[in-house]
């Protein structure tokens, strides 16, 4: 799997339109951190790679939204 494949999977999973605009960069990064922690727990404690991947891709999308939000604030 290549990086472009991962980004493509994340892009397909992206949802919620432009709701990210209602959050601060800090809030988005905080939420991404929670998603990463959940992914880690699914992987380490339960061995559930499906749920781990779901939360990990959510985290990637949320971080991308934080980058876009930051660009709007500059």
Protein backbone atom coordinates (compact mmCIF):
# COMPACT_ATOMS: atom_id res chain seq x y z
CA UNK A 1 0.00 0.00 0.00
CA UNK A 2 1.28 3.45 -0.93
CA UNK A 3 0.70 6.79 0.82
CA UNK A 4 -1.60 7.87 -2.01
CA UNK A 5 -3.71 4.76 -1.34
CA UNK A 6 -4.05 5.71 2.33
CA UNK A 7 -5.00 9.29 1.48
CA UNK A 8 -7.52 7.98 -1.05
CA UNK A 9 -9.12 5.76 1.59
CA UNK A 10 -9.26 8.70 4.00
CA UNK A 11 -10.76 10.94 1.32
CA UNK A 12 -13.50 8.37 0.65
CA UNK A 13 -14.25 8.20 4.37
CA UNK A 14 -14.42 11.98 4.86
CA UNK A 15 -17.85 13.15 5.90
CA UNK A 16 -19.62 16.00 7.63
CA UNK A 17 -19.02 18.55 4.88
CA UNK A 18 -17.67 21.82 6.21
CA UNK A 19 -18.66 21.41 9.87
CA UNK A 20 -14.95 21.68 10.72
CA UNK A 21 -15.23 25.43 10.11
CA UNK A 22 -17.20 25.75 13.36
CA UNK A 23 -14.25 24.45 15.41
CA UNK A 24 -10.95 26.01 16.35
CA UNK A 25 -7.64 24.47 15.31
CA UNK A 26 -7.08 23.53 18.94
CA UNK A 27 -10.44 21.74 19.17
CA UNK A 28 -9.79 19.82 15.96
CA UNK A 29 -6.35 18.72 17.12
CA UNK A 30 -7.79 17.69 20.48
CA UNK A 31 -10.44 15.59 18.73
CA UNK A 32 -7.83 14.00 16.46
CA UNK A 33 -5.82 13.10 19.55
CA UNK A 34 -8.85 11.34 21.02
CA UNK A 35 -9.35 9.41 17.78
CA UNK A 36 -5.69 8.32 17.80
CA UNK A 37 -5.99 7.17 21.41
CA UNK A 38 -9.12 5.17 20.58
CA UNK A 39 -7.35 3.61 17.59
CA UNK A 40 -4.42 2.66 19.80
CA UNK A 41 -6.74 1.07 22.37
CA UNK A 42 -8.63 -0.93 19.74
CA UNK A 43 -5.34 -2.20 18.34
CA UNK A 44 -3.50 -2.89 21.60
CA UNK A 45 -6.28 -4.08 23.90
CA UNK A 46 -8.67 -5.79 21.53
CA UNK A 47 -6.65 -6.57 18.43
CA UNK A 48 -9.50 -5.02 16.44
CA UNK A 49 -7.75 -3.72 13.33
CA UNK A 50 -11.00 -2.77 11.58
CA UNK A 51 -12.01 -0.31 14.31
CA UNK A 52 -8.38 0.82 14.67
CA UNK A 53 -8.20 1.69 10.98
CA UNK A 54 -11.55 3.48 11.11
CA UNK A 55 -10.46 5.75 13.96
CA UNK A 56 -6.98 6.25 12.49
CA UNK A 57 -8.47 7.44 9.19
CA UNK A 58 -10.84 9.73 11.09
CA UNK A 59 -7.79 11.22 12.85
CA UNK A 60 -6.04 11.83 9.51
CA UNK A 61 -9.13 13.61 8.18
CA UNK A 62 -9.51 15.71 11.33
CA UNK A 63 -5.85 16.77 11.22
CA UNK A 64 -6.33 17.77 7.55
CA UNK A 65 -9.32 19.85 8.65
CA UNK A 66 -7.16 21.51 11.32
CA UNK A 67 -4.63 22.42 8.62
CA UNK A 68 -7.41 23.91 6.46
CA UNK A 69 -8.86 25.79 9.44
CA UNK A 70 -5.44 27.19 10.28
CA UNK A 71 -5.04 28.41 6.70
CA UNK A 72 -8.33 30.28 7.05
CA UNK A 73 -7.14 31.95 10.26
CA UNK A 74 -3.88 33.20 8.76
